[in-house]
Amino acid sequence: MSDDGFSLRLPAEAIETIARRAAEIVLEGETVEADGWLRGAERIAAYLDCPTSRVYALASTKPERIPVERDGSALIARRSDLDRWLRNGGGRRT
């Protein structure tokens, strides 16, 4: 019995079914987020595998040299926009 007075015994098959469904839910979430927004220069930099300072530098030029938007003071970017930008050579230094 656990500390709260509640215990539950499940057959191994039920545990396996629960684990399988939990994995499906996690994968569904990853699919939804695959083209989701990255919030913050740190997350954008991690996605691009570059220093945060580079993201800030590219975002501070006029016009911006990286496809980001601002939500208040935070930088946000859609993964698909960053991927397209990279494929079109957007990461090259000029």
Foldseek 3Di string as FASTA:
>chain_A
DDPVPDDDDDDPVVVVVVVVVVVVVVVVVCVVLVFPKDKALVRVCVLVVHDSVVCVVQVPDVVRLAPWDDDDPIIMDTPVRRVVCVVVVSVDDD
